[in-house]
Amino acid sequence: MKTDDLARLAPLFDGWEETMVWSCLQGVMGEAYANGDFSSGLIVSQDFCFLAGKPDGTLLEWARGPILVPRTADWAPLIEKKFGARAVRETRYAIKKEPGVFDRERLEGLAAALPEGYTLRLIDAELAPVLLAEAWSKDFCTAFDSPEDCCERGVGVAAMFDGAPVAGAGSYCVYRGGIEVEIDTRMDHRRRGLAAACGARLILECLDRNLYPSWDAIDLRSVALAEKLGYHRGEPYPVYWIG
């Protein structure tokens, strides 16, 4: 969508504190669609599709991601009618965006609390292709045009064990002034504090680069990790997973 059209679309999303929405409207990442009179809009970024304005079923034809996020409840009947039993309603949790809330000393402690044998490493052009090749870690890099682009525009940290990445925290997407945080751990290395260590180091890296590390929680475990790192819980909101 052209810059002028993004400007026409923007009022539908005004005040919606979703960084993937901001990124698209800024022309950084993502794709945008509107109906004929711009009374209805769709933003597609990674796995997410954000719907705003007057409900219009024609926009659902462009909804390619598996996660639909309607801004208002009146989108629900259209989503449920189109996708039927494939549309599973779930709850995500917003996390407040509060610059200045982080305790650097606490984050340094969490980042240093690694079990024996683990080290932290920034995601660089050598490591990014390795992460892209693994299902558990690819989302640290998939929003970018290349591994080099991932390292230039994004920021990320990996926990290494025996020379291989086994956990990480990185940029699910970027926008002007910040990133959307993605955290994951390989199944066989979970419950060892790696997510907290990687998340803490990522936040510190963001603060050093004058970037805000925005967080959105898929479930209450993610909320608990966010709170451990210094964030505060916002409001729950509904999404649809399309199977």
C-alpha atoms as a PDB file:
ATOM      1  CA  MET A   1       0.000   0.000   0.000  1.00  0.00           C
ATOM      2  CA  LYS A   2       1.300   3.471  -0.900  1.00  0.00           C
ATOM      3  CA  THR A   3       2.268   5.975   1.779  1.00  0.00           C
ATOM      4  CA  ASP A   4      -0.771   8.174   1.061  1.00  0.00           C
ATOM      5  CA  ASP A   5      -3.070   5.169   1.404  1.00  0.00           C
ATOM      6  CA  LEU A   6      -1.437   4.173   4.694  1.00  0.00           C
ATOM      7  CA  ALA A   7      -2.211   7.670   5.944  1.00  0.00           C
ATOM      8  CA  ARG A   8      -5.874   7.206   4.972  1.00  0.00           C
ATOM      9  CA  LEU A   9      -5.953   3.851   6.732  1.00  0.00           C
ATOM     10  CA  ALA A  10      -4.217   5.012   9.916  1.00  0.00           C
ATOM     11  CA  PRO A  11      -7.270   6.556  11.666  1.00  0.00           C
ATOM     12  CA  LEU A  12      -8.898   3.110  11.875  1.00  0.00           C
ATOM     13  CA  PHE A  13      -5.963   1.910  13.976  1.00  0.00           C
ATOM     14  CA  ASP A  14      -5.373   5.125  15.926  1.00  0.00           C
ATOM     15  CA  GLY A  15      -4.599   4.443  19.584  1.00  0.00           C
ATOM     16  CA  TRP A  16      -4.175   0.691  19.122  1.00  0.00           C
ATOM     17  CA  GLU A  17      -0.975  -0.117  21.008  1.00  0.00           C
ATOM     18  CA  GLU A  18       0.198  -2.985  18.830  1.00  0.00           C
ATOM     19  CA  THR A  19       3.741  -2.628  17.557  1.00  0.00           C
ATOM     20  CA  MET A  20       3.056  -4.701  14.437  1.00  0.00           C
ATOM     21  CA  VAL A  21       0.334  -2.196  13.544  1.00  0.00           C
ATOM     22  CA  TRP A  22       2.730   0.686  14.131  1.00  0.00           C
ATOM     23  CA  SER A  23       5.433  -1.005  12.058  1.00  0.00           C
ATOM     24  CA  CYS A  24       3.151  -1.427   9.064  1.00  0.00           C
ATOM     25  CA  LEU A  25       1.722   2.089   9.207  1.00  0.00           C
ATOM     26  CA  GLN A  26       5.287   3.412   9.434  1.00  0.00           C
ATOM     27  CA  GLY A  27       6.192   1.513   6.262  1.00  0.00           C
ATOM     28  CA  VAL A  28       8.738  -0.632   8.098  1.00  0.00           C
ATOM     29  CA  MET A  29       7.242  -4.154   7.944  1.00  0.00           C
ATOM     30  CA  GLY A  30       3.957  -5.817   7.100  1.00  0.00           C
ATOM     31  CA  GLU A  31       1.191  -5.361   4.544  1.00  0.00           C
ATOM     32  CA  ALA A  32      -1.991  -3.284   4.693  1.00  0.00           C
ATOM     33  CA  TYR A  33      -5.355  -3.630   2.954  1.00  0.00           C
ATOM     34  CA  ALA A  34      -8.528  -1.541   2.909  1.00  0.00           C
ATOM     35  CA  ASN A  35     -11.981  -1.820   1.423  1.00  0.00           C
ATOM     36  CA  GLY A  36     -13.096   0.604  -1.258  1.00  0.00           C
ATOM     37  CA  ASP A  37     -13.952   3.569   0.948  1.00  0.00           C
ATOM     38  CA  PHE A  38     -11.284   2.930   3.621  1.00  0.00           C
ATOM     39  CA  SER A  39     -13.936   2.296   6.267  1.00  0.00           C
ATOM     40  CA  SER A  40     -12.397  -1.105   7.013  1.00  0.00           C
ATOM     41  CA  GLY A  41      -8.751  -2.111   7.266  1.00  0.00           C
ATOM     42  CA  LEU A  42      -6.495  -5.111   7.661  1.00  0.00           C
ATOM     43  CA  ILE A  43      -2.830  -5.218   8.638  1.00  0.00           C
ATOM     44  CA  VAL A  44      -0.893  -8.457   8.115  1.00  0.00           C
ATOM     45  CA  SER A  45       2.409  -8.954   9.933  1.00  0.00           C
ATOM     46  CA  GLN A  46       4.080 -12.319  10.431  1.00  0.00           C
ATOM     47  CA  ASP A  47       1.418 -14.657  11.878  1.00  0.00           C
ATOM     48  CA  PHE A  48      -0.950 -11.842  12.873  1.00  0.00           C
ATOM     49  CA  CYS A  49      -3.844 -10.158  11.072  1.00  0.00           C
ATOM     50  CA  PHE A  50      -5.274  -7.012  12.697  1.00  0.00           C
ATOM     51  CA  LEU A  51      -8.812  -6.016  11.710  1.00  0.00           C
ATOM     52  CA  ALA A  52     -10.247  -2.565  12.370  1.00  0.00           C
ATOM     53  CA  GLY A  53     -13.094  -0.313  11.302  1.00  0.00           C
ATOM     54  CA  LYS A  54     -16.485  -1.325   9.931  1.00  0.00           C
ATOM     55  CA  PRO A  55     -16.636  -5.141   9.671  1.00  0.00           C
ATOM     56  CA  ASP A  56     -16.206  -6.182   6.037  1.00  0.00           C
ATOM     57  CA  GLY A  57     -15.966  -9.854   5.135  1.00  0.00           C
ATOM     58  CA  THR A  58     -14.109  -9.155   1.891  1.00  0.00           C
ATOM     59  CA  LEU A  59     -10.986  -8.266   3.888  1.00  0.00           C
ATOM     60  CA  LEU A  60     -10.914 -11.740   5.408  1.00  0.00           C
ATOM     61  CA  GLU A  61      -9.854 -13.012   1.976  1.00  0.00           C
ATOM     62  CA  TRP A  62      -6.499 -11.291   2.600  1.00  0.00           C
ATOM     63  CA  ALA A  63      -6.079 -12.643   6.122  1.00  0.00           C
ATOM     64  CA  ARG A  64      -3.196 -15.041   5.578  1.00  0.00           C
ATOM     65  CA  GLY A  65      -1.852 -15.365   9.106  1.00  0.00           C
ATOM     66  CA  PRO A  66      -3.296 -17.939  11.501  1.00  0.00           C
ATOM     67  CA  ILE A  67      -3.981 -15.371  14.253  1.00  0.00           C
ATOM     68  CA  LEU A  68      -6.815 -12.886  13.703  1.00  0.00           C
ATOM     69  CA  VAL A  69      -7.011  -9.925  16.076  1.00  0.00           C
ATOM     70  CA  PRO A  70     -10.285  -7.984  15.729  1.00  0.00           C
ATOM     71  CA  ARG A  71     -10.235  -4.525  17.266  1.00  0.00           C
ATOM     72  CA  THR A  72     -13.950  -4.658  18.068  1.00  0.00           C
ATOM     73  CA  ALA A  73     -16.347  -7.463  18.921  1.00  0.00           C
ATOM     74  CA  ASP A  74     -18.543  -6.875  15.859  1.00  0.00           C
ATOM     75  CA  TRP A  75     -15.929  -8.631  13.690  1.00  0.00           C
ATOM     76  CA  ALA A  76     -16.572 -11.928  15.491  1.00  0.00           C
ATOM     77  CA  PRO A  77     -19.693 -13.030  13.558  1.00  0.00           C
ATOM     78  CA  LEU A  78     -17.930 -12.546  10.206  1.00  0.00           C
ATOM     79  CA  ILE A  79     -14.852 -14.458  11.355  1.00  0.00           C
ATOM     80  CA  GLU A  80     -16.902 -17.318  12.768  1.00  0.00           C
ATOM     81  CA  LYS A  81     -19.100 -17.494   9.679  1.00  0.00           C
ATOM     82  CA  LYS A  82     -16.180 -17.617   7.248  1.00  0.00           C
ATOM     83  CA  PHE A  83     -13.921 -20.034   9.111  1.00  0.00           C
ATOM     84  CA  GLY A  84     -16.456 -22.064  11.078  1.00  0.00           C
ATOM     85  CA  ALA A  85     -14.945 -24.640  13.420  1.00  0.00           C
ATOM     86  CA  ARG A  86     -11.470 -23.701  12.183  1.00  0.00           C
ATOM     87  CA  ALA A  87     -11.738 -20.425  14.123  1.00  0.00           C
ATOM     88  CA  VAL A  88     -10.851 -21.073  17.763  1.00  0.00           C
ATOM     89  CA  ARG A  89     -11.343 -18.114  20.094  1.00  0.00           C
ATOM     90  CA  GLU A  90      -8.529 -17.656  22.614  1.00  0.00           C
ATOM     91  CA  THR A  91      -7.242 -14.990  24.982  1.00  0.00           C
ATOM     92  CA  ARG A  92      -3.956 -13.120  24.801  1.00  0.00           C
ATOM     93  CA  TYR A  93      -2.667 -10.618  27.349  1.00  0.00           C
ATOM     94  CA  ALA A  94      -1.442  -7.120  26.619  1.00  0.00           C
ATOM     95  CA  ILE A  95       1.635  -6.005  28.523  1.00  0.00           C
ATOM     96  CA  LYS A  96       1.917  -2.324  29.407  1.00  0.00           C
ATOM     97  CA  LYS A  97       4.408  -0.195  27.482  1.00  0.00           C
ATOM     98  CA  GLU A  98       6.258   1.707  30.189  1.00  0.00           C
ATOM     99  CA  PRO A  99       9.629   3.210  29.241  1.00  0.00           C
ATOM    100  CA  GLY A 100      11.802   3.655  32.290  1.00  0.00           C
ATOM    101  CA  VAL A 101      10.246   0.823  34.276  1.00  0.00           C
ATOM    102  CA  PHE A 102      13.199  -1.578  34.036  1.00  0.00           C
ATOM    103  CA  ASP A 103      15.655  -2.275  36.867  1.00  0.00           C
ATOM    104  CA  ARG A 104      19.056  -2.711  35.195  1.00  0.00           C
ATOM    105  CA  GLU A 105      20.664  -4.308  38.250  1.00  0.00           C
ATOM    106  CA  ARG A 106      17.926  -6.937  38.471  1.00  0.00           C
ATOM    107  CA  LEU A 107      18.143  -7.638  34.737  1.00  0.00           C
ATOM    108  CA  GLU A 108      21.928  -8.029  34.933  1.00  0.00           C
ATOM    109  CA  GLY A 109      21.434 -10.572  37.686  1.00  0.00           C
ATOM    110  CA  LEU A 110      18.884 -12.557  35.693  1.00  0.00           C
ATOM    111  CA  ALA A 111      21.096 -12.512  32.598  1.00  0.00           C
ATOM    112  CA  ALA A 112      24.033 -13.839  34.619  1.00  0.00           C
ATOM    113  CA  ALA A 113      22.029 -16.638  36.274  1.00  0.00           C
ATOM    114  CA  LEU A 114      22.835 -19.287  33.682  1.00  0.00           C
ATOM    115  CA  PRO A 115      23.294 -22.971  34.505  1.00  0.00           C
ATOM    116  CA  GLU A 116      26.764 -24.393  34.060  1.00  0.00           C
ATOM    117  CA  GLY A 117      27.704 -24.969  30.434  1.00  0.00           C
ATOM    118  CA  TYR A 118      25.512 -22.205  28.966  1.00  0.00           C
ATOM    119  CA  THR A 119      26.636 -18.861  27.568  1.00  0.00           C
ATOM    120  CA  LEU A 120      24.820 -15.918  25.970  1.00  0.00           C
ATOM    121  CA  ARG A 121      25.690 -14.621  22.505  1.00  0.00           C
ATOM    122  CA  LEU A 122      24.265 -11.834  20.399  1.00  0.00           C
ATOM    123  CA  ILE A 123      22.563 -13.005  17.212  1.00  0.00           C
ATOM    124  CA  ASP A 124      24.900 -12.116  14.350  1.00  0.00           C
ATOM    125  CA  ALA A 125      25.142 -12.871  10.633  1.00  0.00           C
ATOM    126  CA  GLU A 126      26.795 -16.210  11.380  1.00  0.00           C
ATOM    127  CA  LEU A 127      24.176 -17.356  13.886  1.00  0.00           C
ATOM    128  CA  ALA A 128      21.039 -16.035  12.145  1.00  0.00           C
ATOM    129  CA  PRO A 129      21.007 -18.720   9.373  1.00  0.00           C
ATOM    130  CA  VAL A 130      21.321 -21.423  12.040  1.00  0.00           C
ATOM    131  CA  LEU A 131      18.288 -20.034  13.872  1.00  0.00           C
ATOM    132  CA  LEU A 132      16.319 -19.716  10.628  1.00  0.00           C
ATOM    133  CA  ALA A 133      16.875 -23.407   9.911  1.00  0.00           C
ATOM    134  CA  GLU A 134      15.212 -24.568  13.139  1.00  0.00           C
ATOM    135  CA  ALA A 135      11.445 -24.558  13.681  1.00  0.00           C
ATOM    136  CA  TRP A 136      11.709 -23.480  17.334  1.00  0.00           C
ATOM    137  CA  SER A 137      13.951 -20.469  16.590  1.00  0.00           C
ATOM    138  CA  LYS A 138      13.105 -19.245  13.091  1.00  0.00           C
ATOM    139  CA  ASP A 139      10.770 -16.478  14.296  1.00  0.00           C
ATOM    140  CA  PHE A 140      13.753 -14.562  15.659  1.00  0.00           C
ATOM    141  CA  CYS A 141      14.641 -13.801  12.033  1.00  0.00           C
ATOM    142  CA  THR A 142      11.716 -14.485   9.666  1.00  0.00           C
ATOM    143  CA  ALA A 143      10.416 -10.891   9.611  1.00  0.00           C
ATOM    144  CA  PHE A 144      13.598  -9.714   7.916  1.00  0.00           C
ATOM    145  CA  ASP A 145      14.744  -9.769   4.312  1.00  0.00           C
ATOM    146  CA  SER A 146      17.950 -11.686   5.050  1.00  0.00           C
ATOM    147  CA  PRO A 147      20.203 -12.768   7.936  1.00  0.00           C
ATOM    148  CA  GLU A 148      22.185  -9.581   7.394  1.00  0.00           C
ATOM    149  CA  ASP A 149      19.014  -7.488   7.557  1.00  0.00           C
ATOM    150  CA  CYS A 150      18.051  -9.303  10.763  1.00  0.00           C
ATOM    151  CA  CYS A 151      21.306  -8.225  12.383  1.00  0.00           C
ATOM    152  CA  GLU A 152      21.182  -4.697  10.991  1.00  0.00           C
ATOM    153  CA  ARG A 153      17.620  -3.786  11.944  1.00  0.00           C
ATOM    154  CA  GLY A 154      16.891  -6.285  14.690  1.00  0.00           C
ATOM    155  CA  VAL A 155      18.529  -7.294  17.930  1.00  0.00           C
ATOM    156  CA  GLY A 156      18.666 -10.724  19.512  1.00  0.00           C
ATOM    157  CA  VAL A 157      20.381 -12.928  22.085  1.00  0.00           C
ATOM    158  CA  ALA A 158      20.874 -16.689  22.036  1.00  0.00           C
ATOM    159  CA  ALA A 159      21.745 -19.103  24.812  1.00  0.00           C
ATOM    160  CA  MET A 160      24.449 -21.474  23.578  1.00  0.00           C
ATOM    161  CA  PHE A 161      25.177 -25.023  24.750  1.00  0.00           C
ATOM    162  CA  ASP A 162      27.880 -27.205  23.235  1.00  0.00           C
ATOM    163  CA  GLY A 163      28.246 -24.682  20.420  1.00  0.00           C
ATOM    164  CA  ALA A 164      24.560 -24.696  19.431  1.00  0.00           C
ATOM    165  CA  PRO A 165      21.734 -22.236  20.167  1.00  0.00           C
ATOM    166  CA  VAL A 166      19.135 -23.748  22.495  1.00  0.00           C
ATOM    167  CA  ALA A 167      17.160 -20.678  23.615  1.00  0.00           C
ATOM    168  CA  GLY A 168      16.845 -17.079  22.563  1.00  0.00           C
ATOM    169  CA  ALA A 169      15.135 -13.712  22.659  1.00  0.00           C
ATOM    170  CA  GLY A 170      14.921 -11.534  19.588  1.00  0.00           C
ATOM    171  CA  SER A 171      12.940  -9.276  17.296  1.00  0.00           C
ATOM    172  CA  TYR A 172       9.639 -10.724  16.106  1.00  0.00           C
ATOM    173  CA  CYS A 173       9.234  -7.419  14.293  1.00  0.00           C
ATOM    174  CA  VAL A 174      10.699  -3.924  14.476  1.00  0.00           C
ATOM    175  CA  TYR A 175       9.186  -0.459  14.390  1.00  0.00           C
ATOM    176  CA  ARG A 176      10.617   3.020  14.721  1.00  0.00           C
ATOM    177  CA  GLY A 177      12.053   3.147  18.194  1.00  0.00           C
ATOM    178  CA  GLY A 178      11.589  -0.440  19.261  1.00  0.00           C
ATOM    179  CA  ILE A 179      11.049  -4.141  18.714  1.00  0.00           C
ATOM    180  CA  GLU A 180       8.392  -6.727  19.478  1.00  0.00           C
ATOM    181  CA  VAL A 181       9.995  -9.370  21.692  1.00  0.00           C
ATOM    182  CA  GLU A 182      10.016 -13.051  20.705  1.00  0.00           C
ATOM    183  CA  ILE A 183      11.283 -15.612  23.246  1.00  0.00           C
ATOM    184  CA  ASP A 184      11.555 -19.366  22.907  1.00  0.00           C
ATOM    185  CA  THR A 185      13.561 -22.315  24.202  1.00  0.00           C
ATOM    186  CA  ARG A 186      14.272 -25.625  22.525  1.00  0.00           C
ATOM    187  CA  MET A 187      12.095 -28.314  24.105  1.00  0.00           C
ATOM    188  CA  ASP A 188      14.952 -30.296  25.633  1.00  0.00           C
ATOM    189  CA  HIS A 189      16.419 -27.243  27.408  1.00  0.00           C
ATOM    190  CA  ARG A 190      13.301 -25.792  29.010  1.00  0.00           C
ATOM    191  CA  ARG A 191      12.764 -25.080  32.729  1.00  0.00           C
ATOM    192  CA  ARG A 192      16.378 -24.024  33.278  1.00  0.00           C
ATOM    193  CA  GLY A 193      15.952 -20.242  33.461  1.00  0.00           C
ATOM    194  CA  LEU A 194      17.172 -19.683  29.914  1.00  0.00           C
ATOM    195  CA  ALA A 195      14.151 -17.655  28.779  1.00  0.00           C
ATOM    196  CA  ALA A 196      14.568 -15.238  31.688  1.00  0.00           C
ATOM    197  CA  ALA A 197      18.305 -14.900  31.058  1.00  0.00           C
ATOM    198  CA  CYS A 198      17.859 -14.285  27.334  1.00  0.00           C
ATOM    199  CA  GLY A 199      14.961 -11.907  27.904  1.00  0.00           C
ATOM    200  CA  ALA A 200      16.914  -9.914  30.473  1.00  0.00           C
ATOM    201  CA  ARG A 201      19.939  -9.578  28.212  1.00  0.00           C
ATOM    202  CA  LEU A 202      17.729  -8.586  25.263  1.00  0.00           C
ATOM    203  CA  ILE A 203      16.053  -5.832  27.289  1.00  0.00           C
ATOM    204  CA  LEU A 204      19.456  -4.517  28.359  1.00  0.00           C
ATOM    205  CA  GLU A 205      20.652  -4.515  24.743  1.00  0.00           C
ATOM    206  CA  CYS A 206      17.532  -2.619  23.706  1.00  0.00           C
ATOM    207  CA  LEU A 207      18.013  -0.043  26.445  1.00  0.00           C
ATOM    208  CA  ASP A 208      21.627   0.449  25.350  1.00  0.00           C
ATOM    209  CA  ARG A 209      20.410   1.061  21.776  1.00  0.00           C
ATOM    210  CA  ASN A 210      17.528   3.373  22.761  1.00  0.00           C
ATOM    211  CA  LEU A 211      14.966   0.811  21.625  1.00  0.00           C
ATOM    212  CA  TYR A 212      11.821  -0.135  23.526  1.00  0.00           C
ATOM    213  CA  PRO A 213      11.341  -3.924  23.968  1.00  0.00           C
ATOM    214  CA  SER A 214       7.567  -4.323  23.594  1.00  0.00           C
ATOM    215  CA  TRP A 215       5.995  -7.531  24.935  1.00  0.00           C
ATOM    216  CA  ASP A 216       2.668  -9.231  24.234  1.00  0.00           C
ATOM    217  CA  ALA A 217       1.802 -12.438  26.076  1.00  0.00           C
ATOM    218  CA  ILE A 218       0.346 -15.552  24.488  1.00  0.00           C
ATOM    219  CA  ASP A 219      -0.635 -17.028  27.875  1.00  0.00           C
ATOM    220  CA  LEU A 220      -0.267 -16.585  31.627  1.00  0.00           C
ATOM    221  CA  ARG A 221       3.176 -18.211  31.647  1.00  0.00           C
ATOM    222  CA  SER A 222       4.352 -15.501  29.293  1.00  0.00           C
ATOM    223  CA  VAL A 223       2.737 -12.908  31.563  1.00  0.00           C
ATOM    224  CA  ALA A 224       4.633 -14.324  34.548  1.00  0.00           C
ATOM    225  CA  LEU A 225       7.948 -14.172  32.677  1.00  0.00           C
ATOM    226  CA  ALA A 226       7.242 -10.598  31.597  1.00  0.00           C
ATOM    227  CA  GLU A 227       6.473  -9.584  35.182  1.00  0.00           C
ATOM    228  CA  LYS A 228       9.676 -11.260  36.376  1.00  0.00           C
ATOM    229  CA  LEU A 229      11.593  -9.064  33.927  1.00  0.00           C
ATOM    230  CA  GLY A 230       9.918  -5.876  35.154  1.00  0.00           C
ATOM    231  CA  TYR A 231       6.856  -5.439  32.932  1.00  0.00           C
ATOM    232  CA  HIS A 232       3.289  -4.947  34.183  1.00  0.00           C
ATOM    233  CA  ARG A 233       0.216  -6.744  32.932  1.00  0.00           C
ATOM    234  CA  GLY A 234      -2.293  -4.923  30.755  1.00  0.00           C
ATOM    235  CA  GLU A 235      -5.729  -6.089  29.626  1.00  0.00           C
ATOM    236  CA  PRO A 236      -6.648  -9.490  28.169  1.00  0.00           C
ATOM    237  CA  TYR A 237      -8.062  -9.471  24.646  1.00  0.00           C
ATOM    238  CA  PRO A 238      -9.614 -12.040  22.299  1.00  0.00           C
ATOM    239  CA  VAL A 239      -7.992 -13.511  19.211  1.00  0.00           C
ATOM    240  CA  TYR A 240      -8.959 -16.230  16.768  1.00  0.00           C
ATOM    241  CA  TRP A 241      -6.569 -19.010  15.834  1.00  0.00           C
ATOM    242  CA  ILE A 242      -7.412 -20.347  12.387  1.00  0.00           C
ATOM    243  CA  GLY A 243      -6.633 -24.038  12.112  1.00  0.00           C
END
